[in-house]
Amino acid sequence: LISLYFLVLGIYCLKFYIVAFFKTQS
């Protein structure tokens, strides 16, 4: 349960920075 919970948070956080990179590079 704890692994799933923090994994979902981790996936979202990693996605956040990938999107930020896309935006800076247009």
mmCIF file of all heavy atoms, coordinates in Angstrom:
data_MODEL
# 
_entry.id   MODEL 
# 
loop_
_atom_site.group_PDB 
_atom_site.id 
_atom_site.type_symbol 
_atom_site.label_atom_id 
_atom_site.label_alt_id 
_atom_site.label_comp_id 
_atom_site.label_asym_id 
_atom_site.label_entity_id 
_atom_site.label_seq_id 
_atom_site.pdbx_PDB_ins_code 
_atom_site.Cartn_x 
_atom_site.Cartn_y 
_atom_site.Cartn_z 
_atom_site.occupancy 
_atom_site.B_iso_or_equiv 
_atom_site.pdbx_formal_charge 
_atom_site.auth_seq_id 
_atom_site.auth_comp_id 
_atom_site.auth_asym_id 
_atom_site.auth_atom_id 
_atom_site.pdbx_PDB_model_num 
ATOM 1   N N   . LEU A 1 1  ? 0.825  -1.212 0.000   1.00 0.00 ? 1  LEU A N   1 
ATOM 2   C CA  . LEU A 1 1  ? 0.000  0.000  0.000   1.00 0.00 ? 1  LEU A CA  1 
ATOM 3   C C   . LEU A 1 1  ? 0.859  1.262  0.000   1.00 0.00 ? 1  LEU A C   1 
ATOM 4   O O   . LEU A 1 1  ? 0.598  2.200  -0.754  1.00 0.00 ? 1  LEU A O   1 
ATOM 5   C CB  . LEU A 1 1  ? -0.933 -0.007 1.216   1.00 0.00 ? 1  LEU A CB  1 
ATOM 6   C CG  . LEU A 1 1  ? -2.006 -1.102 1.230   1.00 0.00 ? 1  LEU A CG  1 
ATOM 7   C CD1 . LEU A 1 1  ? -2.803 -1.054 2.527   1.00 0.00 ? 1  LEU A CD1 1 
ATOM 8   C CD2 . LEU A 1 1  ? -2.939 -0.964 0.030   1.00 0.00 ? 1  LEU A CD2 1 
ATOM 9   N N   . ILE A 1 2  ? 1.887  1.282  0.841   1.00 0.00 ? 2  ILE A N   1 
ATOM 10  C CA  . ILE A 1 2  ? 2.742  2.469  0.906   1.00 0.00 ? 2  ILE A CA  1 
ATOM 11  C C   . ILE A 1 2  ? 3.549  2.620  -0.379  1.00 0.00 ? 2  ILE A C   1 
ATOM 12  O O   . ILE A 1 2  ? 3.739  3.739  -0.879  1.00 0.00 ? 2  ILE A O   1 
ATOM 13  C CB  . ILE A 1 2  ? 3.664  2.387  2.133   1.00 0.00 ? 2  ILE A CB  1 
ATOM 14  C CG1 . ILE A 1 2  ? 2.829  2.468  3.412   1.00 0.00 ? 2  ILE A CG1 1 
ATOM 15  C CG2 . ILE A 1 2  ? 4.702  3.508  2.114   1.00 0.00 ? 2  ILE A CG2 1 
ATOM 16  C CD1 . ILE A 1 2  ? 3.629  2.373  4.685   1.00 0.00 ? 2  ILE A CD1 1 
ATOM 17  N N   . SER A 1 3  ? 4.003  1.509  -0.929  1.00 0.00 ? 3  SER A N   1 
ATOM 18  C CA  . SER A 1 3  ? 4.747  1.563  -2.193  1.00 0.00 ? 3  SER A CA  1 
ATOM 19  C C   . SER A 1 3  ? 3.891  2.147  -3.310  1.00 0.00 ? 3  SER A C   1 
ATOM 20  O O   . SER A 1 3  ? 4.343  3.010  -4.077  1.00 0.00 ? 3  SER A O   1 
ATOM 21  C CB  . SER A 1 3  ? 5.237  0.169  -2.585  1.00 0.00 ? 3  SER A CB  1 
ATOM 22  O OG  . SER A 1 3  ? 6.163  -0.322 -1.660  1.00 0.00 ? 3  SER A OG  1 
ATOM 23  N N   . LEU A 1 4  ? 2.650  1.695  -3.404  1.00 0.00 ? 4  LEU A N   1 
ATOM 24  C CA  . LEU A 1 4  ? 1.743  2.211  -4.441  1.00 0.00 ? 4  LEU A CA  1 
ATOM 25  C C   . LEU A 1 4  ? 1.469  3.697  -4.255  1.00 0.00 ? 4  LEU A C   1 
ATOM 26  O O   . LEU A 1 4  ? 1.462  4.475  -5.218  1.00 0.00 ? 4  LEU A O   1 
ATOM 27  C CB  . LEU A 1 4  ? 0.431  1.424  -4.427  1.00 0.00 ? 4  LEU A CB  1 
ATOM 28  C CG  . LEU A 1 4  ? 0.497  -0.013 -4.960  1.00 0.00 ? 4  LEU A CG  1 
ATOM 29  C CD1 . LEU A 1 4  ? -0.830 -0.721 -4.737  1.00 0.00 ? 4  LEU A CD1 1 
ATOM 30  C CD2 . LEU A 1 4  ? 0.858  -0.019 -6.443  1.00 0.00 ? 4  LEU A CD2 1 
ATOM 31  N N   . TYR A 1 5  ? 1.248  4.094  -3.013  1.00 0.00 ? 5  TYR A N   1 
ATOM 32  C CA  . TYR A 1 5  ? 0.934  5.495  -2.729  1.00 0.00 ? 5  TYR A CA  1 
ATOM 33  C C   . TYR A 1 5  ? 2.086  6.407  -3.145  1.00 0.00 ? 5  TYR A C   1 
ATOM 34  O O   . TYR A 1 5  ? 1.893  7.385  -3.884  1.00 0.00 ? 5  TYR A O   1 
ATOM 35  C CB  . TYR A 1 5  ? 0.634  5.665  -1.240  1.00 0.00 ? 5  TYR A CB  1 
ATOM 36  C CG  . TYR A 1 5  ? 0.421  7.098  -0.810  1.00 0.00 ? 5  TYR A CG  1 
ATOM 37  C CD1 . TYR A 1 5  ? -0.747 7.772  -1.136  1.00 0.00 ? 5  TYR A CD1 1 
ATOM 38  C CD2 . TYR A 1 5  ? 1.406  7.783  -0.088  1.00 0.00 ? 5  TYR A CD2 1 
ATOM 39  C CE1 . TYR A 1 5  ? -0.940 9.095  -0.752  1.00 0.00 ? 5  TYR A CE1 1 
ATOM 40  C CE2 . TYR A 1 5  ? 1.214  9.096  0.297   1.00 0.00 ? 5  TYR A CE2 1 
ATOM 41  C CZ  . TYR A 1 5  ? 0.043  9.742  -0.028  1.00 0.00 ? 5  TYR A CZ  1 
ATOM 42  O OH  . TYR A 1 5  ? -0.141 11.051 0.349   1.00 0.00 ? 5  TYR A OH  1 
ATOM 43  N N   . PHE A 1 6  ? 3.289  6.088  -2.687  1.00 0.00 ? 6  PHE A N   1 
ATOM 44  C CA  . PHE A 1 6  ? 4.431  6.945  -3.010  1.00 0.00 ? 6  PHE A CA  1 
ATOM 45  C C   . PHE A 1 6  ? 4.872  6.799  -4.461  1.00 0.00 ? 6  PHE A C   1 
ATOM 46  O O   . PHE A 1 6  ? 5.449  7.731  -5.028  1.00 0.00 ? 6  PHE A O   1 
ATOM 47  C CB  . PHE A 1 6  ? 5.594  6.646  -2.064  1.00 0.00 ? 6  PHE A CB  1 
ATOM 48  C CG  . PHE A 1 6  ? 5.457  7.318  -0.730  1.00 0.00 ? 6  PHE A CG  1 
ATOM 49  C CD1 . PHE A 1 6  ? 4.937  6.632  0.350   1.00 0.00 ? 6  PHE A CD1 1 
ATOM 50  C CD2 . PHE A 1 6  ? 5.808  8.648  -0.568  1.00 0.00 ? 6  PHE A CD2 1 
ATOM 51  C CE1 . PHE A 1 6  ? 4.792  7.259  1.585   1.00 0.00 ? 6  PHE A CE1 1 
ATOM 52  C CE2 . PHE A 1 6  ? 5.664  9.281  0.651   1.00 0.00 ? 6  PHE A CE2 1 
ATOM 53  C CZ  . PHE A 1 6  ? 5.154  8.580  1.743   1.00 0.00 ? 6  PHE A CZ  1 
ATOM 54  N N   . LEU A 1 7  ? 4.580  5.646  -5.068  1.00 0.00 ? 7  LEU A N   1 
ATOM 55  C CA  . LEU A 1 7  ? 4.907  5.485  -6.479  1.00 0.00 ? 7  LEU A CA  1 
ATOM 56  C C   . LEU A 1 7  ? 4.044  6.398  -7.336  1.00 0.00 ? 7  LEU A C   1 
ATOM 57  O O   . LEU A 1 7  ? 4.524  7.023  -8.288  1.00 0.00 ? 7  LEU A O   1 
ATOM 58  C CB  . LEU A 1 7  ? 4.713  4.029  -6.897  1.00 0.00 ? 7  LEU A CB  1 
ATOM 59  C CG  . LEU A 1 7  ? 5.088  3.698  -8.342  1.00 0.00 ? 7  LEU A CG  1 
ATOM 60  C CD1 . LEU A 1 7  ? 6.543  4.058  -8.606  1.00 0.00 ? 7  LEU A CD1 1 
ATOM 61  C CD2 . LEU A 1 7  ? 4.845  2.233  -8.634  1.00 0.00 ? 7  LEU A CD2 1 
ATOM 62  N N   . VAL A 1 8  ? 2.751  6.507  -7.000  1.00 0.00 ? 8  VAL A N   1 
ATOM 63  C CA  . VAL A 1 8  ? 1.855  7.417  -7.732  1.00 0.00 ? 8  VAL A CA  1 
ATOM 64  C C   . VAL A 1 8  ? 2.350  8.854  -7.598  1.00 0.00 ? 8  VAL A C   1 
ATOM 65  O O   . VAL A 1 8  ? 2.404  9.609  -8.577  1.00 0.00 ? 8  VAL A O   1 
ATOM 66  C CB  . VAL A 1 8  ? 0.414  7.281  -7.212  1.00 0.00 ? 8  VAL A CB  1 
ATOM 67  C CG1 . VAL A 1 8  ? -0.466 8.394  -7.780  1.00 0.00 ? 8  VAL A CG1 1 
ATOM 68  C CG2 . VAL A 1 8  ? -0.165 5.933  -7.589  1.00 0.00 ? 8  VAL A CG2 1 
ATOM 69  N N   . LEU A 1 9  ? 2.734  9.253  -6.381  1.00 0.00 ? 9  LEU A N   1 
ATOM 70  C CA  . LEU A 1 9  ? 3.284  10.597 -6.185  1.00 0.00 ? 9  LEU A CA  1 
ATOM 71  C C   . LEU A 1 9  ? 4.563  10.791 -6.985  1.00 0.00 ? 9  LEU A C   1 
ATOM 72  O O   . LEU A 1 9  ? 4.775  11.844 -7.608  1.00 0.00 ? 9  LEU A O   1 
ATOM 73  C CB  . LEU A 1 9  ? 3.572  10.827 -4.697  1.00 0.00 ? 9  LEU A CB  1 
ATOM 74  C CG  . LEU A 1 9  ? 2.372  10.960 -3.764  1.00 0.00 ? 9  LEU A CG  1 
ATOM 75  C CD1 . LEU A 1 9  ? 2.843  11.154 -2.328  1.00 0.00 ? 9  LEU A CD1 1 
ATOM 76  C CD2 . LEU A 1 9  ? 1.468  12.116 -4.178  1.00 0.00 ? 9  LEU A CD2 1 
ATOM 77  N N   . GLY A 1 10 ? 5.418  9.777  -6.985  1.00 0.00 ? 10 GLY A N   1 
ATOM 78  C CA  . GLY A 1 10 ? 6.675  9.874  -7.717  1.00 0.00 ? 10 GLY A CA  1 
ATOM 79  C C   . GLY A 1 10 ? 6.469  10.002 -9.216  1.00 0.00 ? 10 GLY A C   1 
ATOM 80  O O   . GLY A 1 10 ? 7.148  10.785 -9.885  1.00 0.00 ? 10 GLY A O   1 
ATOM 81  N N   . ILE A 1 11 ? 5.515  9.229  -9.766  1.00 0.00 ? 11 ILE A N   1 
ATOM 82  C CA  . ILE A 1 11 ? 5.213  9.308  -11.194 1.00 0.00 ? 11 ILE A CA  1 
ATOM 83  C C   . ILE A 1 11 ? 4.712  10.700 -11.560 1.00 0.00 ? 11 ILE A C   1 
ATOM 84  O O   . ILE A 1 11 ? 5.125  11.278 -12.570 1.00 0.00 ? 11 ILE A O   1 
ATOM 85  C CB  . ILE A 1 11 ? 4.171  8.231  -11.586 1.00 0.00 ? 11 ILE A CB  1 
ATOM 86  C CG1 . ILE A 1 11 ? 4.815  6.842  -11.533 1.00 0.00 ? 11 ILE A CG1 1 
ATOM 87  C CG2 . ILE A 1 11 ? 3.605  8.503  -12.979 1.00 0.00 ? 11 ILE A CG2 1 
ATOM 88  C CD1 . ILE A 1 11 ? 3.832  5.713  -11.736 1.00 0.00 ? 11 ILE A CD1 1 
ATOM 89  N N   . TYR A 1 12 ? 3.839  11.254 -10.708 1.00 0.00 ? 12 TYR A N   1 
ATOM 90  C CA  . TYR A 1 12 ? 3.326  12.602 -10.978 1.00 0.00 ? 12 TYR A CA  1 
ATOM 91  C C   . TYR A 1 12 ? 4.453  13.634 -10.924 1.00 0.00 ? 12 TYR A C   1 
ATOM 92  O O   . TYR A 1 12 ? 4.542  14.512 -11.789 1.00 0.00 ? 12 TYR A O   1 
ATOM 93  C CB  . TYR A 1 12 ? 2.241  12.982 -9.971  1.00 0.00 ? 12 TYR A CB  1 
ATOM 94  C CG  . TYR A 1 12 ? 1.822  14.426 -10.115 1.00 0.00 ? 12 TYR A CG  1 
ATOM 95  C CD1 . TYR A 1 12 ? 0.962  14.826 -11.126 1.00 0.00 ? 12 TYR A CD1 1 
ATOM 96  C CD2 . TYR A 1 12 ? 2.341  15.408 -9.267  1.00 0.00 ? 12 TYR A CD2 1 
ATOM 97  C CE1 . TYR A 1 12 ? 0.604  16.149 -11.288 1.00 0.00 ? 12 TYR A CE1 1 
ATOM 98  C CE2 . TYR A 1 12 ? 2.002  16.734 -9.415  1.00 0.00 ? 12 TYR A CE2 1 
ATOM 99  C CZ  . TYR A 1 12 ? 1.131  17.107 -10.426 1.00 0.00 ? 12 TYR A CZ  1 
ATOM 100 O OH  . TYR A 1 12 ? 0.803  18.426 -10.581 1.00 0.00 ? 12 TYR A OH  1 
ATOM 101 N N   . CYS A 1 13 ? 5.328  13.542 -9.924  1.00 0.00 ? 13 CYS A N   1 
ATOM 102 C CA  . CYS A 1 13 ? 6.418  14.508 -9.798  1.00 0.00 ? 13 CYS A CA  1 
ATOM 103 C C   . CYS A 1 13 ? 7.378  14.412 -10.981 1.00 0.00 ? 13 CYS A C   1 
ATOM 104 O O   . CYS A 1 13 ? 7.816  15.439 -11.521 1.00 0.00 ? 13 CYS A O   1 
ATOM 105 C CB  . CYS A 1 13 ? 7.180  14.282 -8.490  1.00 0.00 ? 13 CYS A CB  1 
ATOM 106 S SG  . CYS A 1 13 ? 6.230  14.671 -7.006  1.00 0.00 ? 13 CYS A SG  1 
ATOM 107 N N   . LEU A 1 14 ? 7.705  13.187 -11.403 1.00 0.00 ? 14 LEU A N   1 
ATOM 108 C CA  . LEU A 1 14 ? 8.583  13.015 -12.556 1.00 0.00 ? 14 LEU A CA  1 
ATOM 109 C C   . LEU A 1 14 ? 7.922  13.561 -13.815 1.00 0.00 ? 14 LEU A C   1 
ATOM 110 O O   . LEU A 1 14 ? 8.565  14.236 -14.628 1.00 0.00 ? 14 LEU A O   1 
ATOM 111 C CB  . LEU A 1 14 ? 8.926  11.535 -12.734 1.00 0.00 ? 14 LEU A CB  1 
ATOM 112 C CG  . LEU A 1 14 ? 9.927  11.196 -13.838 1.00 0.00 ? 14 LEU A CG  1 
ATOM 113 C CD1 . LEU A 1 14 ? 11.249 11.921 -13.616 1.00 0.00 ? 14 LEU A CD1 1 
ATOM 114 C CD2 . LEU A 1 14 ? 10.154 9.684  -13.908 1.00 0.00 ? 14 LEU A CD2 1 
ATOM 115 N N   . LYS A 1 15 ? 6.633  13.302 -13.970 1.00 0.00 ? 15 LYS A N   1 
ATOM 116 C CA  . LYS A 1 15 ? 5.887  13.839 -15.107 1.00 0.00 ? 15 LYS A CA  1 
ATOM 117 C C   . LYS A 1 15 ? 5.921  15.362 -15.117 1.00 0.00 ? 15 LYS A C   1 
ATOM 118 O O   . LYS A 1 15 ? 6.067  16.010 -16.160 1.00 0.00 ? 15 LYS A O   1 
ATOM 119 C CB  . LYS A 1 15 ? 4.449  13.326 -15.051 1.00 0.00 ? 15 LYS A CB  1 
ATOM 120 C CG  . LYS A 1 15 ? 3.452  14.082 -15.926 1.00 0.00 ? 15 LYS A CG  1 
ATOM 121 C CD  . LYS A 1 15 ? 2.621  15.059 -15.115 1.00 0.00 ? 15 LYS A CD  1 
ATOM 122 C CE  . LYS A 1 15 ? 1.727  15.912 -15.962 1.00 0.00 ? 15 LYS A CE  1 
ATOM 123 N NZ  . LYS A 1 15 ? 1.063  16.982 -15.206 1.00 0.00 ? 15 LYS A NZ  1 
ATOM 124 N N   . PHE A 1 16 ? 5.832  15.976 -13.928 1.00 0.00 ? 16 PHE A N   1 
ATOM 125 C CA  . PHE A 1 16 ? 5.837  17.434 -13.795 1.00 0.00 ? 16 PHE A CA  1 
ATOM 126 C C   . PHE A 1 16 ? 7.107  18.022 -14.398 1.00 0.00 ? 16 PHE A C   1 
ATOM 127 O O   . PHE A 1 16 ? 7.062  19.025 -15.123 1.00 0.00 ? 16 PHE A O   1 
ATOM 128 C CB  . PHE A 1 16 ? 5.717  17.806 -12.315 1.00 0.00 ? 16 PHE A CB  1 
ATOM 129 C CG  . PHE A 1 16 ? 5.795  19.281 -12.042 1.00 0.00 ? 16 PHE A CG  1 
ATOM 130 C CD1 . PHE A 1 16 ? 4.674  20.074 -12.140 1.00 0.00 ? 16 PHE A CD1 1 
ATOM 131 C CD2 . PHE A 1 16 ? 7.004  19.877 -11.695 1.00 0.00 ? 16 PHE A CD2 1 
ATOM 132 C CE1 . PHE A 1 16 ? 4.743  21.438 -11.887 1.00 0.00 ? 16 PHE A CE1 1 
ATOM 133 C CE2 . PHE A 1 16 ? 7.084  21.225 -11.444 1.00 0.00 ? 16 PHE A CE2 1 
ATOM 134 C CZ  . PHE A 1 16 ? 5.947  22.014 -11.536 1.00 0.00 ? 16 PHE A CZ  1 
ATOM 135 N N   . TYR A 1 17 ? 8.264  17.402 -14.124 1.00 0.00 ? 17 TYR A N   1 
ATOM 136 C CA  . TYR A 1 17 ? 9.522  17.953 -14.615 1.00 0.00 ? 17 TYR A CA  1 
ATOM 137 C C   . TYR A 1 17 ? 9.756  17.638 -16.085 1.00 0.00 ? 17 TYR A C   1 
ATOM 138 O O   . TYR A 1 17 ? 10.422 18.405 -16.787 1.00 0.00 ? 17 TYR A O   1 
ATOM 139 C CB  . TYR A 1 17 ? 10.677 17.454 -13.748 1.00 0.00 ? 17 TYR A CB  1 
ATOM 140 C CG  . TYR A 1 17 ? 10.577 18.018 -12.340 1.00 0.00 ? 17 TYR A CG  1 
ATOM 141 C CD1 . TYR A 1 17 ? 10.254 17.208 -11.266 1.00 0.00 ? 17 TYR A CD1 1 
ATOM 142 C CD2 . TYR A 1 17 ? 10.749 19.378 -12.115 1.00 0.00 ? 17 TYR A CD2 1 
ATOM 143 C CE1 . TYR A 1 17 ? 10.114 17.737 -9.993  1.00 0.00 ? 17 TYR A CE1 1 
ATOM 144 C CE2 . TYR A 1 17 ? 10.609 19.911 -10.849 1.00 0.00 ? 17 TYR A CE2 1 
ATOM 145 C CZ  . TYR A 1 17 ? 10.297 19.091 -9.793  1.00 0.00 ? 17 TYR A CZ  1 
ATOM 146 O OH  . TYR A 1 17 ? 10.150 19.623 -8.547  1.00 0.00 ? 17 TYR A OH  1 
ATOM 147 N N   . ILE A 1 18 ? 9.204  16.530 -16.560 1.00 0.00 ? 18 ILE A N   1 
ATOM 148 C CA  . ILE A 1 18 ? 9.284  16.250 -17.995 1.00 0.00 ? 18 ILE A CA  1 
ATOM 149 C C   . ILE A 1 18 ? 8.490  17.291 -18.772 1.00 0.00 ? 18 ILE A C   1 
ATOM 150 O O   . ILE A 1 18 ? 8.952  17.821 -19.789 1.00 0.00 ? 18 ILE A O   1 
ATOM 151 C CB  . ILE A 1 18 ? 8.770  14.825 -18.298 1.00 0.00 ? 18 ILE A CB  1 
ATOM 152 C CG1 . ILE A 1 18 ? 9.694  13.782 -17.655 1.00 0.00 ? 18 ILE A CG1 1 
ATOM 153 C CG2 . ILE A 1 18 ? 8.694  14.602 -19.810 1.00 0.00 ? 18 ILE A CG2 1 
ATOM 154 C CD1 . ILE A 1 18 ? 9.180  12.363 -17.769 1.00 0.00 ? 18 ILE A CD1 1 
ATOM 155 N N   . VAL A 1 19 ? 7.294  17.615 -18.281 1.00 0.00 ? 19 VAL A N   1 
ATOM 156 C CA  . VAL A 1 19 ? 6.475  18.649 -18.925 1.00 0.00 ? 19 VAL A CA  1 
ATOM 157 C C   . VAL A 1 19 ? 7.165  20.008 -18.863 1.00 0.00 ? 19 VAL A C   1 
ATOM 158 O O   . VAL A 1 19 ? 7.157  20.776 -19.833 1.00 0.00 ? 19 VAL A O   1 
ATOM 159 C CB  . VAL A 1 19 ? 5.081  18.720 -18.266 1.00 0.00 ? 19 VAL A CB  1 
ATOM 160 C CG1 . VAL A 1 19 ? 4.306  19.948 -18.759 1.00 0.00 ? 19 VAL A CG1 1 
ATOM 161 C CG2 . VAL A 1 19 ? 4.283  17.459 -18.558 1.00 0.00 ? 19 VAL A CG2 1 
ATOM 162 N N   . ALA A 1 20 ? 7.788  20.320 -17.732 1.00 0.00 ? 20 ALA A N   1 
ATOM 163 C CA  . ALA A 1 20 ? 8.505  21.588 -17.606 1.00 0.00 ? 20 ALA A CA  1 
ATOM 164 C C   . ALA A 1 20 ? 9.623  21.688 -18.638 1.00 0.00 ? 20 ALA A C   1 
ATOM 165 O O   . ALA A 1 20 ? 9.854  22.752 -19.229 1.00 0.00 ? 20 ALA A O   1 
ATOM 166 C CB  . ALA A 1 20 ? 9.071  21.732 -16.191 1.00 0.00 ? 20 ALA A CB  1 
ATOM 167 N N   . PHE A 1 21 ? 10.305 20.558 -18.869 1.00 0.00 ? 21 PHE A N   1 
ATOM 168 C CA  . PHE A 1 21 ? 11.360 20.547 -19.893 1.00 0.00 ? 21 PHE A CA  1 
ATOM 169 C C   . PHE A 1 21 ? 10.759 20.778 -21.280 1.00 0.00 ? 21 PHE A C   1 
ATOM 170 O O   . PHE A 1 21 ? 11.305 21.556 -22.076 1.00 0.00 ? 21 PHE A O   1 
ATOM 171 C CB  . PHE A 1 21 ? 12.103 19.220 -19.853 1.00 0.00 ? 21 PHE A CB  1 
ATOM 172 C CG  . PHE A 1 21 ? 13.081 19.042 -20.981 1.00 0.00 ? 21 PHE A CG  1 
ATOM 173 C CD1 . PHE A 1 21 ? 14.293 19.716 -20.972 1.00 0.00 ? 21 PHE A CD1 1 
ATOM 174 C CD2 . PHE A 1 21 ? 12.783 18.208 -22.049 1.00 0.00 ? 21 PHE A CD2 1 
ATOM 175 C CE1 . PHE A 1 21 ? 15.201 19.563 -22.011 1.00 0.00 ? 21 PHE A CE1 1 
ATOM 176 C CE2 . PHE A 1 21 ? 13.672 18.048 -23.092 1.00 0.00 ? 21 PHE A CE2 1 
ATOM 177 C CZ  . PHE A 1 21 ? 14.883 18.731 -23.074 1.00 0.00 ? 21 PHE A CZ  1 
ATOM 178 N N   . PHE A 1 22 ? 9.638  20.114 -21.589 1.00 0.00 ? 22 PHE A N   1 
ATOM 179 C CA  . PHE A 1 22 ? 8.973  20.315 -22.877 1.00 0.00 ? 22 PHE A CA  1 
ATOM 180 C C   . PHE A 1 22 ? 8.626  21.787 -23.092 1.00 0.00 ? 22 PHE A C   1 
ATOM 181 O O   . PHE A 1 22 ? 8.798  22.332 -24.184 1.00 0.00 ? 22 PHE A O   1 
ATOM 182 C CB  . PHE A 1 22 ? 7.695  19.474 -22.952 1.00 0.00 ? 22 PHE A CB  1 
ATOM 183 C CG  . PHE A 1 22 ? 7.936  17.997 -23.125 1.00 0.00 ? 22 PHE A CG  1 
ATOM 184 C CD1 . PHE A 1 22 ? 6.954  17.074 -22.753 1.00 0.00 ? 22 PHE A CD1 1 
ATOM 185 C CD2 . PHE A 1 22 ? 9.114  17.516 -23.648 1.00 0.00 ? 22 PHE A CD2 1 
ATOM 186 C CE1 . PHE A 1 22 ? 7.160  15.716 -22.900 1.00 0.00 ? 22 PHE A CE1 1 
ATOM 187 C CE2 . PHE A 1 22 ? 9.333  16.160 -23.812 1.00 0.00 ? 22 PHE A CE2 1 
ATOM 188 C CZ  . PHE A 1 22 ? 8.351  15.257 -23.438 1.00 0.00 ? 22 PHE A CZ  1 
ATOM 189 N N   . LYS A 1 23 ? 8.143  22.425 -22.039 1.00 0.00 ? 23 LYS A N   1 
ATOM 190 C CA  . LYS A 1 23 ? 7.718  23.824 -22.169 1.00 0.00 ? 23 LYS A CA  1 
ATOM 191 C C   . LYS A 1 23 ? 8.900  24.747 -22.418 1.00 0.00 ? 23 LYS A C   1 
ATOM 192 O O   . LYS A 1 23 ? 8.803  25.673 -23.234 1.00 0.00 ? 23 LYS A O   1 
ATOM 193 C CB  . LYS A 1 23 ? 6.969  24.250 -20.910 1.00 0.00 ? 23 LYS A CB  1 
ATOM 194 C CG  . LYS A 1 23 ? 5.585  23.607 -20.785 1.00 0.00 ? 23 LYS A CG  1 
ATOM 195 C CD  . LYS A 1 23 ? 4.869  24.071 -19.520 1.00 0.00 ? 23 LYS A CD  1 
ATOM 196 C CE  . LYS A 1 23 ? 3.471  23.454 -19.454 1.00 0.00 ? 23 LYS A CE  1 
ATOM 197 N NZ  . LYS A 1 23 ? 2.748  23.865 -18.205 1.00 0.00 ? 23 LYS A NZ  1 
ATOM 198 N N   . THR A 1 24 ? 10.019 24.518 -21.736 1.00 0.00 ? 24 THR A N   1 
ATOM 199 C CA  . THR A 1 24 ? 11.177 25.393 -21.958 1.00 0.00 ? 24 THR A CA  1 
ATOM 200 C C   . THR A 1 24 ? 11.768 25.201 -23.352 1.00 0.00 ? 24 THR A C   1 
ATOM 201 O O   . THR A 1 24 ? 12.348 26.130 -23.915 1.00 0.00 ? 24 THR A O   1 
ATOM 202 C CB  . THR A 1 24 ? 12.271 25.123 -20.910 1.00 0.00 ? 24 THR A CB  1 
ATOM 203 O OG1 . THR A 1 24 ? 12.674 23.752 -20.987 1.00 0.00 ? 24 THR A OG1 1 
ATOM 204 C CG2 . THR A 1 24 ? 11.771 25.435 -19.515 1.00 0.00 ? 24 THR A CG2 1 
ATOM 205 N N   . GLN A 1 25 ? 11.609 24.005 -23.916 1.00 0.00 ? 25 GLN A N   1 
ATOM 206 C CA  . GLN A 1 25 ? 12.144 23.720 -25.249 1.00 0.00 ? 25 GLN A CA  1 
ATOM 207 C C   . GLN A 1 25 ? 11.102 23.902 -26.348 1.00 0.00 ? 25 GLN A C   1 
ATOM 208 O O   . GLN A 1 25 ? 11.392 23.652 -27.529 1.00 0.00 ? 25 GLN A O   1 
ATOM 209 C CB  . GLN A 1 25 ? 12.670 22.272 -25.301 1.00 0.00 ? 25 GLN A CB  1 
ATOM 210 C CG  . GLN A 1 25 ? 13.760 21.987 -24.279 1.00 0.00 ? 25 GLN A CG  1 
ATOM 211 C CD  . GLN A 1 25 ? 14.982 22.847 -24.490 1.00 0.00 ? 25 GLN A CD  1 
ATOM 212 O OE1 . GLN A 1 25 ? 15.469 23.010 -25.608 1.00 0.00 ? 25 GLN A OE1 1 
ATOM 213 N NE2 . GLN A 1 25 ? 15.499 23.421 -23.408 1.00 0.00 ? 25 GLN A NE2 1 
ATOM 214 N N   . SER A 1 26 ? 9.886  24.323 -25.953 1.00 0.00 ? 26 SER A N   1 
ATOM 215 C CA  . SER A 1 26 ? 8.769  24.522 -26.908 1.00 0.00 ? 26 SER A CA  1 
ATOM 216 C C   . SER A 1 26 ? 8.495  23.260 -27.714 1.00 0.00 ? 26 SER A C   1 
ATOM 217 O O   . SER A 1 26 ? 8.307  23.296 -28.936 1.00 0.00 ? 26 SER A O   1 
ATOM 218 C CB  . SER A 1 26 ? 9.081  25.699 -27.848 1.00 0.00 ? 26 SER A CB  1 
ATOM 219 O OG  . SER A 1 26 ? 9.267  26.883 -27.115 1.00 0.00 ? 26 SER A OG  1 
# 
